[in-house]
Amino acid sequence: MRIAVAGGGPGGLFFATLIRRADPTAEVTVFERNRADDTFGFGVVFSDRALAGIHEADPVLREALTEHGRHWDDIEVRLKGDRIRCGGNGMAAVARPTLLALMQARARDVGAQLHFSADVTLDDLRGYDLVVAADGASSTIRDQVDSTLGTSVETATAKFIWFGTDYLFDGLTFVHERNPDGVFAVHGYPISADVSTFIVETDERSWRRAGLDEFDVRKPPGPSDLISKQYLEKLFADQIEGHQLLVNNSRWANFRTRRTRRWHTMAPRPVVLLGDAVHTAHFSVGSGTKMAMEDAVALSRALAADPADLEAALAAYERAAQPSVAKIQDSARPSLAWWEHFGRYYEHFEPWQFAYHFLSRSISDGRLGRRAPTFIDSTHRCWLERYGVEPLQTPLNAVGWTSPVRVVELDTGPDGPRAVTGPGPPLALTDSAPVDRPWGARLPAPQAEAGLPAAYTRLAKLAGDQPAVVAVFGGTALTRTLLCEQVRMEHGIPALLVEETLDTDLAVTAVLSGRADLIGAPKTGPGE
């Protein structure tokens, strides 16, 4: 079989290595648009839990991380003068140029041919039995067959820019600073003995207010935004002890999440996609390179298992790889949403609750506690120092109505919740304010984030009638959470998060993190 791989990043190189090892008779040629020593970005990071399958397939990544990388266990959150650490997060990172050089050598060692400065299209690859599109988020090959794949792309509202720094972080560190322009945040982590990755995020309003929109992003890749470099070096000077930021095609962008229903096509010729060419997940979950390399494992195994039936092999690849990617993308969406709203959280929360809100964005209190018991114990102590009892046993005092605890029982109907029935005083939940008695407003959440602006408009109208609480129901877990946060953070009204069934662990997480004030579910009993 003659295989052309478009893209010489970690996914493409790993696939070339694995397929040559599985089938030494295969002719594998990698075409990379950049030069061999070009690279954009600084480091790649992996969680310990993500590495087992990749290590089993081939030792090149393990050797790169062991000999050249950095490993850590703690995540640190810095804001408002505090530094809060959370253990149990084993991770490792390595400089991207180092990893690529080792992977290039490994691919050559097993007999793959590598061509650099070769920006290829499908027309350039006639005569190959299979084209593997591993050419990244701006894939040329994908764009030529995209109409057959069922692709959707969502663009985040937050702005980000990627630097390095000669300041060495201890491990994965999230730094937050506020100045008159707004709130800016850093994802920082070490990638070698003397360099760290330094990714900055902010909202568009802060970005424009700071004058960071002056760089012409229409320029071809290469030139970096030096105005932003100087601005951010000054803003984060204390956090990086006066060290400098390092540039490498450093320019602002908005993250784009790509989802694709079909990862291969047989027309006009057999093409299969892997990595960022077919799917992306926000870099805050650290899975981009991992997903690409896992795709390479799944694709090479599928081709080796059924070399006589190419279409069946590509279908098997999709079945093997898509569930893991979907799971990562589902967990990445709440994480990305957090970064779209972190300025609000910075203003609203004390450092301990901010850190907990951040670290629980895709994981529950119980799961986080098993991973990092010291951090969870400290967070619960902070709540106890303020309220005297654990989160779900804490009374709530609203305008004209009180609840002795944070979990309440609901009377519900086909159209949603109708009333809070206990354990405290009953409270009607209606669509408009009754006369001369406390009430709770009902607010349905949309099925997609595109419906949130209309829901925010309705909420503003309801808030004007001074409900004791706003009960948010329906929609998705994310849209319900974002609406609850809008209720309590923007309008100062207690938010009642309505769930179909009570999950105590998730209830603790929602209340302790400040995502909601109350959790409600229908009353159930024996035989119900």
Protein backbone atom coordinates (compact mmCIF):
# COMPACT_ATOMS: atom_id res chain seq x y z
CA MET A 1 0.00 0.00 0.00
CA ARG A 2 1.22 3.50 -0.86
CA ILE A 3 0.24 6.00 1.85
CA ALA A 4 0.71 9.77 1.71
CA VAL A 5 0.58 11.63 5.02
CA ALA A 6 -0.14 15.36 4.69
CA GLY A 7 1.24 16.97 7.84
CA GLY A 8 4.40 16.28 9.81
CA GLY A 9 3.15 17.12 13.29
CA PRO A 10 3.05 14.57 16.13
CA GLY A 11 -0.10 12.86 14.78
CA GLY A 12 1.19 12.42 11.24
CA LEU A 13 4.69 11.34 12.30
CA PHE A 14 3.34 8.90 14.89
CA PHE A 15 1.01 7.32 12.34
CA ALA A 16 3.87 6.98 9.83
CA THR A 17 5.97 5.23 12.47
CA LEU A 18 3.20 2.90 13.62
CA ILE A 19 2.01 1.84 10.17
CA ARG A 20 5.57 1.13 9.02
CA ARG A 21 6.13 -0.99 12.12
CA ALA A 22 2.83 -2.83 11.57
CA ASP A 23 3.39 -3.32 7.81
CA PRO A 24 7.00 -2.88 6.66
CA THR A 25 5.85 -3.39 3.05
CA ALA A 26 3.81 -0.18 3.14
CA GLU A 27 5.34 2.80 1.35
CA VAL A 28 4.74 5.79 3.63
CA THR A 29 5.62 9.36 2.65
CA VAL A 30 5.09 12.36 4.92
CA PHE A 31 4.68 15.82 3.36
CA GLU A 32 5.12 18.77 5.73
CA ARG A 33 4.46 22.35 4.58
CA ASN A 34 7.08 23.81 6.94
CA ARG A 35 10.80 23.22 7.16
CA ALA A 36 12.09 20.37 9.34
CA ASP A 37 13.14 22.71 12.16
CA ASP A 38 10.13 25.08 11.94
CA THR A 39 7.54 24.86 14.66
CA PHE A 40 4.72 27.10 15.86
CA GLY A 41 3.92 27.06 19.56
CA PHE A 42 6.22 26.14 22.40
CA GLY A 43 5.30 23.00 24.31
CA VAL A 44 2.96 20.04 24.39
CA VAL A 45 1.51 18.69 27.62
CA PHE A 46 0.04 15.31 28.59
CA SER A 47 -1.66 14.02 31.71
CA ASP A 48 -0.24 10.85 33.24
CA ARG A 49 -3.60 9.14 32.75
CA ALA A 50 -3.51 9.86 29.01
CA LEU A 51 -0.14 8.32 28.27
CA ALA A 52 -0.60 4.58 28.80
CA GLY A 53 -2.03 3.72 25.37
CA ILE A 54 0.45 5.95 23.53
CA HIS A 55 3.42 4.49 25.40
CA GLU A 56 2.22 0.98 24.64
CA ALA A 57 2.09 1.71 20.90
CA ASP A 58 5.64 3.09 20.64
CA PRO A 59 8.22 4.38 23.15
CA VAL A 60 9.17 7.59 21.32
CA LEU A 61 6.99 9.89 23.45
CA ARG A 62 7.97 8.22 26.72
CA GLU A 63 11.65 8.66 25.84
CA ALA A 64 11.09 12.31 24.89
CA LEU A 65 9.32 13.09 28.17
CA THR A 66 11.80 11.12 30.28
CA GLU A 67 14.97 12.53 28.74
CA HIS A 68 13.90 16.05 27.79
CA GLY A 69 10.57 16.86 29.48
CA ARG A 70 9.31 18.17 32.79
CA HIS A 71 6.89 16.41 35.15
CA TRP A 72 4.73 17.79 37.97
CA ASP A 73 1.84 16.82 40.22
CA ASP A 74 0.35 20.12 41.42
CA ILE A 75 -1.76 22.75 39.69
CA GLU A 76 -1.34 26.26 41.10
CA VAL A 77 -3.91 29.07 40.85
CA ARG A 78 -2.65 32.59 41.50
CA LEU A 79 -4.89 35.62 42.01
CA LYS A 80 -5.30 38.60 44.32
CA GLY A 81 -2.02 37.80 46.08
CA ASP A 82 -2.94 34.19 46.91
CA ARG A 83 -1.37 31.01 45.54
CA ILE A 84 -3.61 27.96 45.89
CA ARG A 85 -2.29 24.51 45.01
CA CYS A 86 -4.17 21.35 44.09
CA GLY A 87 -2.34 18.01 43.91
CA GLY A 88 -3.17 14.75 42.19
CA ASN A 89 -2.78 16.17 38.68
CA GLY A 90 0.22 14.29 37.34
CA MET A 91 1.29 15.86 34.03
CA ALA A 92 4.33 16.09 31.80
CA ALA A 93 5.38 18.48 29.04
CA VAL A 94 8.14 18.75 26.48
CA ALA A 95 9.24 21.44 24.05
CA ARG A 96 7.49 20.94 20.72
CA PRO A 97 10.69 21.29 18.62
CA THR A 98 12.36 18.62 20.74
CA LEU A 99 9.44 16.24 20.38
CA LEU A 100 9.18 16.77 16.63
CA ALA A 101 12.91 16.19 16.09
CA LEU A 102 12.73 12.89 17.98
CA MET A 103 9.59 11.80 16.15
CA GLN A 104 11.11 12.68 12.78
CA ALA A 105 14.14 10.54 13.58
CA ARG A 106 11.94 7.69 14.74
CA ALA A 107 9.83 7.79 11.56
CA ARG A 108 12.95 7.72 9.39
CA ASP A 109 14.38 4.83 11.41
CA VAL A 110 11.40 2.63 10.53
CA GLY A 111 11.53 3.54 6.85
CA ALA A 112 9.09 6.43 6.35
CA GLN A 113 10.10 9.08 3.83
CA LEU A 114 9.86 12.70 5.00
CA HIS A 115 9.57 15.72 2.70
CA PHE A 116 9.62 19.25 4.13
CA SER A 117 8.63 22.61 2.60
CA ALA A 118 6.02 20.56 0.72
CA ASP A 119 2.53 22.08 0.90
CA VAL A 120 0.48 19.44 -0.94
CA THR A 121 -3.09 19.18 -2.20
CA LEU A 122 -5.05 16.13 -3.32
CA ASP A 123 -4.01 16.83 -6.90
CA ASP A 124 -0.37 16.46 -5.85
CA LEU A 125 -1.04 13.05 -4.31
CA ARG A 126 -2.42 11.11 -7.23
CA GLY A 127 -1.25 7.51 -7.31
CA TYR A 128 -1.39 6.93 -3.56
CA ASP A 129 -3.77 4.28 -2.22
CA LEU A 130 -4.60 6.39 0.84
CA VAL A 131 -4.15 10.04 1.81
CA VAL A 132 -3.97 10.74 5.55
CA ALA A 133 -4.85 14.37 6.33
CA ALA A 134 -2.89 15.24 9.47
CA ASP A 135 -2.22 18.84 8.44
CA GLY A 136 -3.80 20.61 11.36
CA ALA A 137 -6.75 22.87 12.02
CA SER A 138 -6.24 24.75 8.73
CA SER A 139 -6.04 21.48 6.77
CA THR A 140 -5.78 21.93 3.00
CA ILE A 141 -6.78 18.32 2.34
CA ARG A 142 -9.87 18.52 4.58
CA ASP A 143 -11.07 21.67 2.88
CA GLN A 144 -11.03 19.84 -0.46
CA VAL A 145 -13.40 17.09 0.76
CA ASP A 146 -15.19 18.94 3.60
CA SER A 147 -18.67 18.90 2.02
CA THR A 148 -18.88 15.12 2.48
CA LEU A 149 -17.82 14.99 6.14
CA GLY A 150 -20.53 16.76 8.15
CA THR A 151 -18.38 19.39 9.84
CA SER A 152 -19.42 22.01 12.40
CA VAL A 153 -17.23 24.74 13.85
CA GLU A 154 -17.90 26.89 16.94
CA THR A 155 -15.80 30.00 17.59
CA ALA A 156 -15.17 30.99 21.20
CA THR A 157 -15.60 34.59 22.34
CA ALA A 158 -12.40 34.67 24.43
CA LYS A 159 -9.16 35.91 22.85
CA PHE A 160 -5.89 34.02 23.34
CA ILE A 161 -2.23 34.44 22.37
CA TRP A 162 0.62 31.94 22.71
CA PHE A 163 4.06 32.92 24.04
CA GLY A 164 6.94 31.28 25.81
CA THR A 165 8.91 32.72 28.71
CA ASP A 166 12.36 32.21 30.21
CA TYR A 167 10.67 32.22 33.63
CA LEU A 168 10.37 28.64 34.87
CA PHE A 169 7.01 27.70 36.41
CA ASP A 170 7.01 24.81 38.92
CA GLY A 171 4.16 23.08 37.09
CA LEU A 172 0.84 23.94 35.49
CA THR A 173 0.08 27.43 36.78
CA PHE A 174 -2.91 29.69 36.17
CA VAL A 175 -2.20 33.36 36.82
CA HIS A 176 -4.86 36.08 36.90
CA GLU A 177 -4.22 39.82 36.90
CA ARG A 178 -6.57 42.79 36.75
CA ASN A 179 -5.69 46.27 35.53
CA PRO A 180 -7.83 49.22 34.37
CA ASP A 181 -8.36 47.51 30.99
CA GLY A 182 -9.80 44.27 32.40
CA VAL A 183 -8.83 40.81 33.59
CA PHE A 184 -6.11 38.75 31.89
CA ALA A 185 -5.16 35.16 32.64
CA VAL A 186 -2.18 32.91 31.91
CA HIS A 187 -1.82 29.17 31.40
CA GLY A 188 1.86 28.56 32.20
CA TYR A 189 3.84 25.34 32.43
CA PRO A 190 7.51 24.32 32.08
CA ILE A 191 8.59 22.54 28.89
CA SER A 192 12.34 22.32 29.44
CA ALA A 193 14.99 23.26 31.98
CA ASP A 194 14.83 26.93 30.99
CA VAL A 195 11.58 27.67 29.08
CA SER A 196 7.88 27.66 29.94
CA THR A 197 4.79 27.95 27.78
CA PHE A 198 2.84 31.17 28.48
CA ILE A 199 -0.68 31.35 26.99
CA VAL A 200 -2.72 34.49 27.74
CA GLU A 201 -6.52 34.76 27.54
CA THR A 202 -8.88 37.67 27.95
CA ASP A 203 -12.31 38.84 26.82
CA GLU A 204 -12.74 40.95 23.71
CA ARG A 205 -13.76 44.09 25.60
CA SER A 206 -10.57 44.04 27.71
CA TRP A 207 -8.50 43.21 24.62
CA ARG A 208 -9.85 46.21 22.70
CA ARG A 209 -9.67 48.54 25.68
CA ALA A 210 -5.97 47.66 26.05
CA GLY A 211 -5.34 48.52 22.38
CA LEU A 212 -4.26 44.97 21.58
CA ASP A 213 -6.36 44.80 18.42
CA GLU A 214 -3.88 46.80 16.36
CA PHE A 215 -1.84 43.89 14.98
CA ASP A 216 -2.91 42.85 11.47
CA VAL A 217 -3.79 39.16 11.81
CA ARG A 218 -4.17 38.96 8.03
CA LYS A 219 -0.39 38.88 7.75
CA PRO A 220 0.97 35.42 6.79
CA PRO A 221 2.18 33.22 9.67
CA GLY A 222 5.53 34.29 11.04
CA PRO A 223 5.52 37.88 12.39
CA SER A 224 4.58 38.13 16.08
CA ASP A 225 2.54 40.80 17.86
CA LEU A 226 5.26 42.72 19.69
CA ILE A 227 2.86 45.35 21.04
CA SER A 228 1.01 42.63 22.97
CA LYS A 229 4.32 41.10 24.09
CA GLN A 230 5.41 44.37 25.69
CA TYR A 231 2.00 45.03 27.25
CA LEU A 232 1.79 41.56 28.81
CA GLU A 233 5.40 41.54 30.01
CA LYS A 234 4.57 44.67 31.99
CA LEU A 235 1.23 43.37 33.27
CA PHE A 236 2.67 40.06 34.51
CA ALA A 237 6.12 41.38 35.48
CA ASP A 238 5.74 40.51 39.17
CA GLN A 239 4.39 37.05 38.40
CA ILE A 240 7.35 36.14 36.18
CA GLU A 241 9.90 38.09 38.25
CA GLY A 242 10.79 40.45 35.43
CA HIS A 243 11.59 37.72 32.91
CA GLN A 244 10.82 38.18 29.23
CA LEU A 245 8.20 36.64 26.97
CA LEU A 246 9.40 34.70 23.93
CA VAL A 247 7.62 34.96 20.58
CA ASN A 248 6.94 32.37 17.88
CA ASN A 249 4.16 33.38 15.49
CA SER A 250 2.53 34.89 18.59
CA ARG A 251 -0.73 36.59 17.64
CA TRP A 252 -4.24 36.82 19.07
CA ALA A 253 -6.94 34.42 17.92
CA ASN A 254 -10.28 32.92 18.99
CA PHE A 255 -10.31 29.19 19.62
CA ARG A 256 -12.40 27.19 17.15
CA THR A 257 -13.93 23.87 18.21
CA ARG A 258 -14.32 21.53 15.23
CA ARG A 259 -16.61 18.49 15.26
CA THR A 260 -16.87 16.11 12.31
CA ARG A 261 -19.39 13.33 11.75
CA ARG A 262 -17.38 11.32 9.20
CA TRP A 263 -13.60 11.08 9.34
CA HIS A 264 -13.02 9.53 5.92
CA THR A 265 -14.23 9.55 2.35
CA MET A 266 -13.62 7.24 -0.60
CA ALA A 267 -14.24 9.91 -3.26
CA PRO A 268 -12.61 11.42 -5.19
CA ARG A 269 -10.02 9.10 -3.68
CA PRO A 270 -9.55 7.48 -0.26
CA VAL A 271 -8.85 10.18 2.34
CA VAL A 272 -8.84 9.82 6.13
CA LEU A 273 -8.35 12.58 8.70
CA LEU A 274 -6.77 12.63 12.14
CA GLY A 275 -5.94 15.16 14.85
CA ASP A 276 -6.81 18.85 14.57
CA ALA A 277 -7.74 18.39 10.91
CA VAL A 278 -10.89 16.58 12.03
CA HIS A 279 -11.51 17.62 15.66
CA THR A 280 -10.31 20.15 18.21
CA ALA A 281 -10.79 20.61 21.96
CA HIS A 282 -9.86 23.70 23.93
CA PHE A 283 -6.22 23.71 25.02
CA SER A 284 -7.22 24.16 28.68
CA VAL A 285 -7.86 20.39 28.81
CA GLY A 286 -4.42 19.66 27.31
CA SER A 287 -5.57 17.01 24.85
CA GLY A 288 -4.83 18.22 21.31
CA THR A 289 -1.58 16.31 20.72
CA LYS A 290 -2.85 13.39 22.79
CA MET A 291 -5.95 13.04 20.61
CA ALA A 292 -3.90 13.22 17.42
CA MET A 293 -1.52 10.51 18.63
CA GLU A 294 -4.39 8.32 19.82
CA ASP A 295 -5.99 8.74 16.39
CA ALA A 296 -2.72 7.53 14.89
CA VAL A 297 -2.80 4.44 17.09
CA ALA A 298 -6.41 3.64 16.15
CA LEU A 299 -5.85 4.23 12.42
CA SER A 300 -2.70 2.13 12.20
CA ARG A 301 -4.37 -0.73 14.06
CA ALA A 302 -7.45 -0.62 11.86
CA LEU A 303 -5.40 -0.67 8.67
CA ALA A 304 -3.18 -3.50 9.93
CA ALA A 305 -6.22 -5.55 10.97
CA ASP A 306 -7.98 -5.32 7.59
CA PRO A 307 -5.45 -4.42 4.86
CA ALA A 308 -7.53 -6.00 2.09
CA ASP A 309 -10.65 -3.85 2.63
CA LEU A 310 -9.67 -0.21 2.93
CA GLU A 311 -13.17 1.17 3.38
CA ALA A 312 -13.94 -1.33 6.16
CA ALA A 313 -10.67 -0.44 7.88
CA LEU A 314 -11.42 3.29 7.79
CA ALA A 315 -14.91 2.71 9.17
CA ALA A 316 -13.38 0.61 11.97
CA TYR A 317 -10.98 3.47 12.73
CA GLU A 318 -13.88 5.86 13.18
CA ARG A 319 -15.71 3.45 15.49
CA ALA A 320 -12.58 3.02 17.61
CA ALA A 321 -11.47 6.65 17.83
CA GLN A 322 -14.62 8.76 17.83
CA PRO A 323 -16.03 7.87 21.30
CA SER A 324 -12.87 9.02 23.10
CA VAL A 325 -12.76 12.26 21.13
CA ALA A 326 -16.44 12.97 21.81
CA LYS A 327 -15.87 12.47 25.54
CA ILE A 328 -12.94 14.89 25.54
CA GLN A 329 -14.85 17.50 23.54
CA ASP A 330 -17.82 17.22 25.89
CA SER A 331 -15.55 17.85 28.89
CA ALA A 332 -13.67 20.61 27.06
CA ARG A 333 -16.80 22.69 26.39
CA PRO A 334 -17.44 23.59 30.06
CA SER A 335 -13.73 24.34 30.39
CA LEU A 336 -13.79 26.65 27.37
CA ALA A 337 -16.96 28.32 28.71
CA TRP A 338 -15.13 28.97 31.99
CA TRP A 339 -12.44 30.87 30.10
CA GLU A 340 -15.09 32.91 28.31
CA HIS A 341 -16.40 34.14 31.69
CA PHE A 342 -13.39 34.10 34.03
CA GLY A 343 -13.37 37.90 34.38
CA ARG A 344 -16.77 37.72 36.06
CA TYR A 345 -15.57 34.97 38.39
CA TYR A 346 -12.49 37.02 39.27
CA GLU A 347 -14.70 39.90 40.38
CA HIS A 348 -17.28 37.76 42.20
CA PHE A 349 -15.28 35.14 44.14
CA GLU A 350 -12.71 35.09 46.89
CA PRO A 351 -9.53 33.22 45.88
CA TRP A 352 -10.45 29.90 47.53
CA GLN A 353 -13.85 29.76 45.81
CA PHE A 354 -12.44 31.00 42.51
CA ALA A 355 -9.88 28.17 42.54
CA TYR A 356 -12.53 25.59 43.41
CA HIS A 357 -14.90 26.93 40.74
CA PHE A 358 -12.08 26.62 38.19
CA LEU A 359 -10.85 23.17 39.18
CA SER A 360 -14.38 21.73 39.40
CA ARG A 361 -15.45 22.99 35.97
CA SER A 362 -15.37 19.45 34.51
CA ILE A 363 -15.20 17.26 37.61
CA SER A 364 -17.34 16.76 40.72
CA ASP A 365 -16.43 17.44 44.34
CA GLY A 366 -16.22 13.73 45.13
CA ARG A 367 -13.97 12.87 42.19
CA LEU A 368 -11.76 15.87 42.84
CA GLY A 369 -11.58 14.88 46.49
CA ARG A 370 -10.27 11.43 45.63
CA ARG A 371 -7.61 13.02 43.46
CA ALA A 372 -6.73 15.96 45.73
CA PRO A 373 -8.06 15.42 49.28
CA THR A 374 -5.98 18.22 50.82
CA PHE A 375 -7.35 20.81 48.39
CA ILE A 376 -10.96 19.68 48.93
CA ASP A 377 -10.56 19.65 52.71
CA SER A 378 -9.19 23.19 52.60
CA THR A 379 -12.07 24.40 50.40
CA HIS A 380 -14.72 22.89 52.67
CA ARG A 381 -13.00 24.49 55.70
CA CYS A 382 -13.24 27.89 54.01
CA TRP A 383 -16.99 27.39 53.56
CA LEU A 384 -17.36 26.23 57.18
CA GLU A 385 -15.47 29.27 58.46
CA ARG A 386 -17.97 31.51 56.68
CA TYR A 387 -21.27 29.65 57.24
CA GLY A 388 -20.65 27.25 60.14
CA VAL A 389 -22.11 24.17 58.40
CA GLU A 390 -21.42 22.18 55.23
CA PRO A 391 -22.73 23.56 51.90
CA LEU A 392 -25.96 21.57 51.58
CA GLN A 393 -26.88 22.17 55.25
CA THR A 394 -26.46 25.93 54.98
CA PRO A 395 -29.65 28.01 55.33
CA LEU A 396 -30.58 30.47 52.58
CA ASN A 397 -32.27 33.79 53.25
CA ALA A 398 -33.99 35.31 50.22
CA VAL A 399 -36.33 38.29 49.95
CA GLY A 400 -39.53 37.26 51.79
CA TRP A 401 -38.61 33.55 51.83
CA THR A 402 -36.10 31.26 53.54
CA SER A 403 -34.90 27.70 53.16
CA PRO A 404 -33.24 25.81 56.05
CA VAL A 405 -31.02 23.86 53.61
CA ARG A 406 -29.70 24.14 50.05
CA VAL A 407 -31.49 21.08 48.60
CA VAL A 408 -35.24 21.54 48.12
CA GLU A 409 -38.10 19.35 46.93
CA LEU A 410 -40.15 20.40 43.93
CA ASP A 411 -43.62 19.86 42.59
CA THR A 412 -43.17 19.48 38.84
CA GLY A 413 -45.38 19.05 35.80
CA PRO A 414 -44.92 18.53 32.08
CA ASP A 415 -43.96 22.17 31.67
CA GLY A 416 -41.36 22.18 34.44
CA PRO A 417 -41.26 23.06 38.16
CA ARG A 418 -44.40 24.53 39.74
CA ALA A 419 -43.46 25.04 43.39
CA VAL A 420 -40.88 24.46 46.08
CA THR A 421 -42.65 22.16 48.53
CA GLY A 422 -40.07 21.73 51.28
CA PRO A 423 -38.34 21.27 53.56
CA GLY A 424 -39.00 24.95 54.35
CA PRO A 425 -41.99 27.12 53.52
CA PRO A 426 -43.66 26.43 50.17
CA LEU A 427 -42.94 28.81 47.32
CA ALA A 428 -44.86 29.06 44.06
CA LEU A 429 -42.77 28.99 40.87
CA THR A 430 -44.51 30.93 38.12
CA ASP A 431 -43.83 32.77 34.88
CA SER A 432 -44.87 36.15 36.23
CA ALA A 433 -45.12 37.84 39.63
CA PRO A 434 -48.26 37.24 41.71
CA VAL A 435 -49.69 40.03 43.83
CA ASP A 436 -48.58 40.62 47.46
CA ARG A 437 -46.72 37.38 48.17
CA PRO A 438 -43.21 35.96 47.67
CA TRP A 439 -42.71 34.06 44.45
CA GLY A 440 -40.13 32.23 42.47
CA ALA A 441 -39.60 32.84 38.78
CA ARG A 442 -39.34 29.98 36.27
CA LEU A 443 -36.68 30.29 33.61
CA PRO A 444 -36.24 27.57 30.96
CA ALA A 445 -32.68 27.07 29.73
CA PRO A 446 -32.09 26.73 25.98
CA GLN A 447 -30.91 23.53 24.33
CA ALA A 448 -27.93 25.35 22.80
CA GLU A 449 -25.75 28.26 23.83
CA ALA A 450 -27.03 30.26 20.87
CA GLY A 451 -30.29 30.61 22.82
CA LEU A 452 -28.66 32.18 25.88
CA PRO A 453 -28.96 35.85 24.81
CA ALA A 454 -32.74 35.52 24.55
CA ALA A 455 -32.81 33.78 27.95
CA TYR A 456 -30.72 36.60 29.46
CA THR A 457 -33.22 39.12 28.10
CA ARG A 458 -36.13 37.22 29.66
CA LEU A 459 -34.20 36.95 32.93
CA ALA A 460 -33.67 40.71 33.06
CA LYS A 461 -37.43 41.23 32.78
CA LEU A 462 -38.17 38.66 35.51
CA ALA A 463 -35.53 40.16 37.79
CA GLY A 464 -37.32 43.51 37.62
CA ASP A 465 -40.30 41.91 39.41
CA GLN A 466 -38.09 40.92 42.37
CA PRO A 467 -38.56 37.14 42.69
CA ALA A 468 -37.24 35.46 45.82
CA VAL A 469 -35.42 32.90 43.62
CA VAL A 470 -35.13 32.08 39.93
CA ALA A 471 -35.59 28.39 39.11
CA VAL A 472 -33.58 27.40 36.04
CA PHE A 473 -34.66 24.17 34.35
CA GLY A 474 -34.45 22.24 31.08
CA GLY A 475 -31.77 22.88 28.47
CA THR A 476 -28.36 21.30 28.98
CA ALA A 477 -26.12 21.06 32.03
CA LEU A 478 -23.98 23.88 30.64
CA THR A 479 -26.79 26.26 29.67
CA ARG A 480 -28.49 25.71 33.04
CA THR A 481 -25.23 26.50 34.84
CA LEU A 482 -24.50 29.62 32.80
CA LEU A 483 -28.04 30.90 33.39
CA CYS A 484 -27.79 30.23 37.13
CA GLU A 485 -24.55 32.20 37.24
CA GLN A 486 -26.20 35.06 35.37
CA VAL A 487 -29.03 35.02 37.92
CA ARG A 488 -26.85 35.25 40.99
CA MET A 489 -23.81 37.18 39.72
CA GLU A 490 -25.46 39.76 37.46
CA HIS A 491 -28.84 40.20 39.19
CA GLY A 492 -28.02 39.28 42.81
CA ILE A 493 -30.96 36.85 43.06
CA PRO A 494 -30.60 33.31 44.48
CA ALA A 495 -30.43 30.75 41.68
CA LEU A 496 -32.31 27.45 42.01
CA LEU A 497 -30.76 24.81 39.75
CA VAL A 498 -33.44 22.28 38.81
CA GLU A 499 -32.35 18.70 38.14
CA GLU A 500 -34.45 15.70 37.13
CA THR A 501 -32.94 13.60 39.92
CA LEU A 502 -30.81 14.55 42.89
CA ASP A 503 -27.10 13.73 42.70
CA THR A 504 -25.70 14.83 46.06
CA ASP A 505 -22.11 14.98 44.81
CA LEU A 506 -23.05 17.31 41.95
CA ALA A 507 -25.25 19.33 44.30
CA VAL A 508 -22.32 19.93 46.65
CA THR A 509 -20.16 20.94 43.69
CA ALA A 510 -22.72 23.45 42.39
CA VAL A 511 -23.29 25.14 45.76
CA LEU A 512 -19.69 25.10 47.01
CA SER A 513 -18.43 26.49 43.69
CA GLY A 514 -20.98 29.31 43.64
CA ARG A 515 -22.62 28.12 40.43
CA ALA A 516 -26.01 27.93 42.17
CA ASP A 517 -27.54 28.75 45.55
CA LEU A 518 -30.14 25.97 45.71
CA ILE A 519 -30.56 22.58 44.10
CA GLY A 520 -34.08 21.30 43.43
CA ALA A 521 -35.41 17.95 42.29
CA PRO A 522 -38.85 16.28 42.32
CA LYS A 523 -39.74 14.55 45.55
CA THR A 524 -39.49 10.77 45.32
CA GLY A 525 -40.47 8.07 47.73
CA PRO A 526 -41.18 4.35 48.00
CA GLY A 527 -42.93 3.09 44.89
CA GLU A 528 -42.49 6.36 43.00
